[in-house]
Structure formats: structure tokens, C-alpha cells
Protein backbone atom coordinates (compact mmCIF):
# COMPACT_ATOMS: atom_id res chain seq x y z
CA GLN A 1 0.00 0.00 0.00
CA VAL A 2 1.00 3.64 -0.36
CA GLN A 3 3.04 5.09 2.47
CA LEU A 4 4.51 8.54 3.01
CA VAL A 5 6.53 8.68 6.20
CA GLU A 6 7.85 12.02 7.41
CA SER A 7 10.72 12.43 9.84
CA GLY A 8 13.10 15.10 11.09
CA GLY A 9 10.80 17.35 13.06
CA GLY A 10 11.59 18.58 16.52
CA LEU A 11 11.92 21.47 18.94
CA VAL A 12 14.50 24.10 18.04
CA GLN A 13 15.29 27.71 18.86
CA ALA A 14 14.67 30.55 16.46
CA GLY A 15 17.43 30.79 13.89
CA ALA A 16 18.15 27.08 13.87
CA SER A 17 17.82 24.64 10.99
CA LEU A 18 15.98 21.38 10.47
CA ARG A 19 15.82 18.95 7.60
CA LEU A 20 12.59 17.06 7.05
CA SER A 21 12.48 13.84 5.07
CA CYS A 22 9.53 12.03 3.53
CA ALA A 23 10.09 8.45 2.42
CA ALA A 24 7.59 7.22 -0.14
CA SER A 25 6.57 3.71 -1.12
CA GLY A 26 3.75 1.95 -2.91
CA PHE A 27 3.51 4.25 -5.93
CA THR A 28 5.75 5.38 -8.77
CA PHE A 29 7.43 8.20 -6.88
CA SER A 30 9.51 9.49 -9.77
CA THR A 31 6.47 10.29 -11.90
CA TYR A 32 4.74 12.58 -9.42
CA ALA A 33 5.29 16.08 -8.19
CA MET A 34 5.70 16.23 -4.43
CA SER A 35 4.95 18.94 -1.95
CA TRP A 36 5.27 19.94 1.67
CA HIS A 37 2.40 21.53 3.55
CA ARG A 38 1.99 22.72 7.10
CA GLN A 39 -0.82 23.32 9.53
CA ALA A 40 -0.51 25.48 12.61
CA PRO A 41 -3.01 25.26 15.48
CA GLY A 42 -6.24 27.01 14.56
CA LYS A 43 -5.14 27.62 10.99
CA GLU A 44 -5.81 25.99 7.66
CA ARG A 45 -3.26 23.72 6.05
CA GLU A 46 -1.07 25.66 3.63
CA LEU A 47 1.34 24.80 0.86
CA VAL A 48 4.95 25.41 1.83
CA ALA A 49 6.90 24.13 -1.17
CA ALA A 50 6.47 21.92 -4.21
CA ILE A 51 8.82 20.17 -6.60
CA SER A 52 8.24 18.66 -10.02
CA SER A 53 8.70 14.97 -10.73
CA THR A 54 12.23 15.47 -12.06
CA GLY A 55 13.18 18.09 -9.50
CA GLY A 56 13.71 20.68 -12.19
CA ASN A 57 11.00 23.02 -11.00
CA THR A 58 10.24 24.22 -7.50
CA ASN A 59 8.01 26.80 -5.94
CA TYR A 60 7.63 28.19 -2.45
CA ALA A 61 5.23 30.09 -0.28
CA ASP A 62 6.31 33.70 0.07
CA SER A 63 6.74 33.23 3.79
CA VAL A 64 9.55 30.67 3.34
CA LYS A 65 11.29 31.86 0.18
CA GLY A 66 15.02 32.16 0.71
CA ARG A 67 14.91 30.10 3.91
CA PHE A 68 13.50 26.71 2.86
CA THR A 69 14.68 24.42 0.08
CA ILE A 70 12.76 21.45 -1.29
CA SER A 71 14.62 18.65 -3.03
CA ARG A 72 14.09 15.04 -3.96
CA ASP A 73 16.01 11.84 -4.61
CA ASN A 74 14.21 9.64 -7.12
CA VAL A 75 16.51 6.73 -6.37
CA LYS A 76 15.74 6.79 -2.66
CA ASN A 77 12.08 7.75 -3.23
CA THR A 78 12.48 10.55 -0.75
CA VAL A 79 11.62 14.23 -0.71
CA TYR A 80 13.34 16.67 1.62
CA LEU A 81 12.66 20.07 3.09
CA GLN A 82 15.71 21.95 4.34
CA MET A 83 14.54 24.67 6.70
CA ASN A 84 16.99 27.37 7.71
CA SER A 85 16.61 30.51 9.82
CA LEU A 86 13.53 29.08 11.48
CA LYS A 87 11.07 31.46 13.09
CA PRO A 88 8.43 30.87 15.77
CA GLU A 89 5.78 31.37 13.10
CA ASP A 90 7.11 28.27 11.31
CA THR A 91 5.74 26.17 14.18
CA ALA A 92 3.29 23.67 12.71
CA VAL A 93 2.74 20.06 11.78
CA TYR A 94 4.46 19.48 8.44
CA TYR A 95 3.00 17.04 5.94
CA CYS A 96 4.31 15.72 2.66
CA LYS A 97 1.98 14.99 -0.22
CA GLY A 98 2.36 12.98 -3.39
CA TYR A 99 -0.46 12.69 -5.91
CA ILE A 100 -3.50 12.19 -3.65
CA TYR A 101 -1.57 10.72 -0.76
CA TRP A 102 -0.60 12.40 2.52
CA GLY A 103 1.88 11.49 5.19
CA GLN A 104 1.00 11.46 8.86
CA GLY A 105 2.89 14.66 9.64
CA THR A 106 5.85 15.65 11.77
CA GLN A 107 5.79 18.37 14.40
CA VAL A 108 8.11 21.34 14.11
CA THR A 109 8.24 23.71 17.07
CA VAL A 110 10.38 26.84 17.03
CA SER A 111 10.88 28.65 20.30
CA SER A 112 11.72 32.34 20.53
């Protein structure tokens, strides 16, 4: 069956970095665009970053441009989100998505 398993979340101080990973299985990973989304308490889920199937195209939410980088490894069937210069407002549960499938989420908490 399809699985998307996120990892790499945690509690960090403002200004720190984290790298999220999402390992995919059960579908043809290399043929699908992938994306990262986040949901903060009391807010709607929002798109953070997306990457095309080959990795050649990416796009980002304005709030993370210049700080976050999405990448993928089509051999390892994994998509990454490198998050630098983290801010308290980045605190949320982060989810990866591929096609119609969602991971279970990983918590990122940034303290001030």
C-alpha cells in the first residue's frame, strides 16, 4: 500500500535549521510532483513548497522563500525540506503529499 513517512521534526530555537524527510513507497514516486504543507493550530493547512517529478522546477510560499529548500532523490524515493533561519511562526505540523496521498505529519516547534 501507499506510504509517506515524514521524519526530522523537533523542537529548536529561532534561527536554527531542520531537515525534514519524507520516504515514499507503494507508488511510482519518480512520476509525481511532491509537496510539503503545514498546519498550525487554529489555521488551515497551507502549501509550503512543491517540486516537479524530475526536481527541475520548485516553488515556495512567500513566507519561506530564501529560507527553505525542497529537493528530492528519485533513487531513494524521498523528498526533503531543508529549513533554515527558522522562526516561531514556522511552528506547525508538516506534511508531505504525493499525488492524492498524505503522510502522517511531523511536528516542528520553534521557540523564541
